[in-house]
Amino acid sequence: SAIGIVGGIQANWSAPTSNGGATITGYAVELSLDGTSWVTATANTYSNATSYTVRTLNNQALALGTQYSIRVAAITILGQGAYSSVVTATPLQSVSATETLT
């Protein structure tokens, strides 16, 4: 899943059920504006944590209010696995004092 947060996107996922017998050492994270052309947000998180926050892309802040597609792939000593299903999220500009957070 992915949710928009103030100034970015918080991606959350489950580790793959099959890792080829190797320990997951990180994840590759990619973003897209059109779901076709992908840009690397991070080539490797160097962590087996299953969440990652994206605030910049190509050294520029994410466009607030713009929907991004996001996908991740596990990395092991054997290489990079297949990318996940695509999810979307939109970075938020700010949280209004009248909005209810859940």
Protein backbone atom coordinates (compact mmCIF):
# COMPACT_ATOMS: atom_id res chain seq x y z
CA SER A 1 0.00 0.00 0.00
CA ALA A 2 1.01 3.62 -0.25
CA ILE A 3 -0.35 6.72 1.41
CA GLY A 4 0.22 10.38 0.82
CA ILE A 5 1.91 12.18 3.69
CA VAL A 6 2.86 15.83 4.00
CA GLY A 7 5.54 16.34 1.37
CA GLY A 8 5.86 12.72 0.30
CA ILE A 9 4.64 9.16 -0.01
CA GLN A 10 4.88 6.39 2.58
CA ALA A 11 5.06 2.97 0.90
CA ASN A 12 4.31 -0.15 2.94
CA TRP A 13 4.47 -3.74 1.70
CA SER A 14 4.82 -7.36 2.76
CA ALA A 15 8.01 -9.31 2.18
CA PRO A 16 7.73 -11.77 -0.72
CA THR A 17 6.73 -15.31 0.19
CA SER A 18 9.60 -16.71 -1.88
CA ASN A 19 13.11 -15.30 -1.75
CA GLY A 20 15.06 -18.04 -3.52
CA GLY A 21 16.47 -19.19 -0.19
CA ALA A 22 18.46 -15.98 0.31
CA THR A 23 17.97 -13.31 2.96
CA ILE A 24 16.42 -10.07 1.79
CA THR A 25 19.02 -7.33 2.15
CA GLY A 26 17.02 -4.40 0.78
CA TYR A 27 14.36 -3.21 -1.63
CA ALA A 28 14.40 -1.20 -4.85
CA VAL A 29 11.69 1.48 -4.98
CA GLU A 30 10.47 3.11 -8.19
CA LEU A 31 7.96 5.85 -8.95
CA SER A 32 6.05 6.76 -12.09
CA LEU A 33 3.71 9.54 -13.15
CA ASP A 34 2.10 7.52 -15.95
CA GLY A 35 2.51 3.89 -14.77
CA THR A 36 4.73 3.15 -17.77
CA SER A 37 7.94 5.17 -17.39
CA TRP A 38 9.66 4.35 -14.09
CA VAL A 39 12.24 6.35 -12.16
CA THR A 40 14.34 4.93 -9.33
CA ALA A 41 13.49 6.50 -5.98
CA THR A 42 16.14 4.32 -4.32
CA ALA A 43 18.15 1.53 -5.92
CA ASN A 44 18.51 -0.22 -2.57
CA THR A 45 17.10 0.60 0.87
CA TYR A 46 19.81 -1.60 2.46
CA SER A 47 17.21 -2.72 4.97
CA ASN A 48 14.74 -5.57 5.27
CA ALA A 49 12.16 -3.10 6.65
CA THR A 50 8.94 -3.20 4.63
CA SER A 51 8.26 0.52 4.46
CA TYR A 52 9.97 3.46 2.83
CA THR A 53 9.24 7.18 2.65
CA VAL A 54 9.84 9.00 -0.63
CA ARG A 55 10.15 12.80 -0.46
CA THR A 56 12.35 13.51 -3.47
CA LEU A 57 12.86 12.13 -6.95
CA ASN A 58 15.87 13.06 -9.07
CA ASN A 59 16.94 15.47 -6.29
CA GLN A 60 13.66 17.40 -6.51
CA ALA A 61 10.74 17.43 -4.11
CA LEU A 62 7.75 15.36 -5.15
CA ALA A 63 5.03 17.44 -6.78
CA LEU A 64 2.42 18.04 -4.10
CA GLY A 65 -1.09 17.06 -5.14
CA THR A 66 0.23 14.89 -8.01
CA GLN A 67 -0.58 11.18 -8.07
CA TYR A 68 2.41 8.84 -8.31
CA SER A 69 2.48 5.11 -9.01
CA ILE A 70 4.92 3.17 -6.84
CA ARG A 71 6.36 -0.35 -6.95
CA VAL A 72 9.05 -2.23 -5.02
CA ALA A 73 11.28 -5.25 -5.60
CA ALA A 74 13.20 -7.31 -3.04
CA ILE A 75 16.98 -7.55 -3.28
CA THR A 76 19.05 -10.53 -2.08
CA ILE A 77 22.60 -11.72 -2.67
CA LEU A 78 21.13 -13.50 -5.72
CA GLY A 79 19.95 -10.23 -7.25
CA GLN A 80 16.74 -8.27 -7.57
CA GLY A 81 13.35 -9.98 -7.68
CA ALA A 82 10.25 -9.08 -9.65
CA TYR A 83 8.47 -5.81 -8.96
CA SER A 84 5.35 -5.75 -6.83
CA SER A 85 1.91 -4.80 -8.02
CA VAL A 86 1.59 -1.07 -8.57
CA VAL A 87 -0.17 1.17 -6.04
CA THR A 88 -0.76 4.91 -6.14
CA ALA A 89 -0.55 7.77 -3.68
CA THR A 90 -0.53 11.56 -3.76
CA PRO A 91 1.81 13.68 -1.59
CA LEU A 92 -0.12 16.06 0.65
CA GLN A 93 0.50 19.79 0.88
CA SER A 94 -0.49 20.09 4.52
CA VAL A 95 -3.01 18.80 7.00
CA SER A 96 -5.88 21.13 7.70
CA ALA A 97 -6.76 21.68 11.34
CA THR A 98 -10.34 20.67 10.50
CA GLU A 99 -9.41 17.32 8.89
CA THR A 100 -9.77 14.15 10.92
CA LEU A 101 -6.75 11.88 10.83
CA THR A 102 -7.22 8.13 10.99
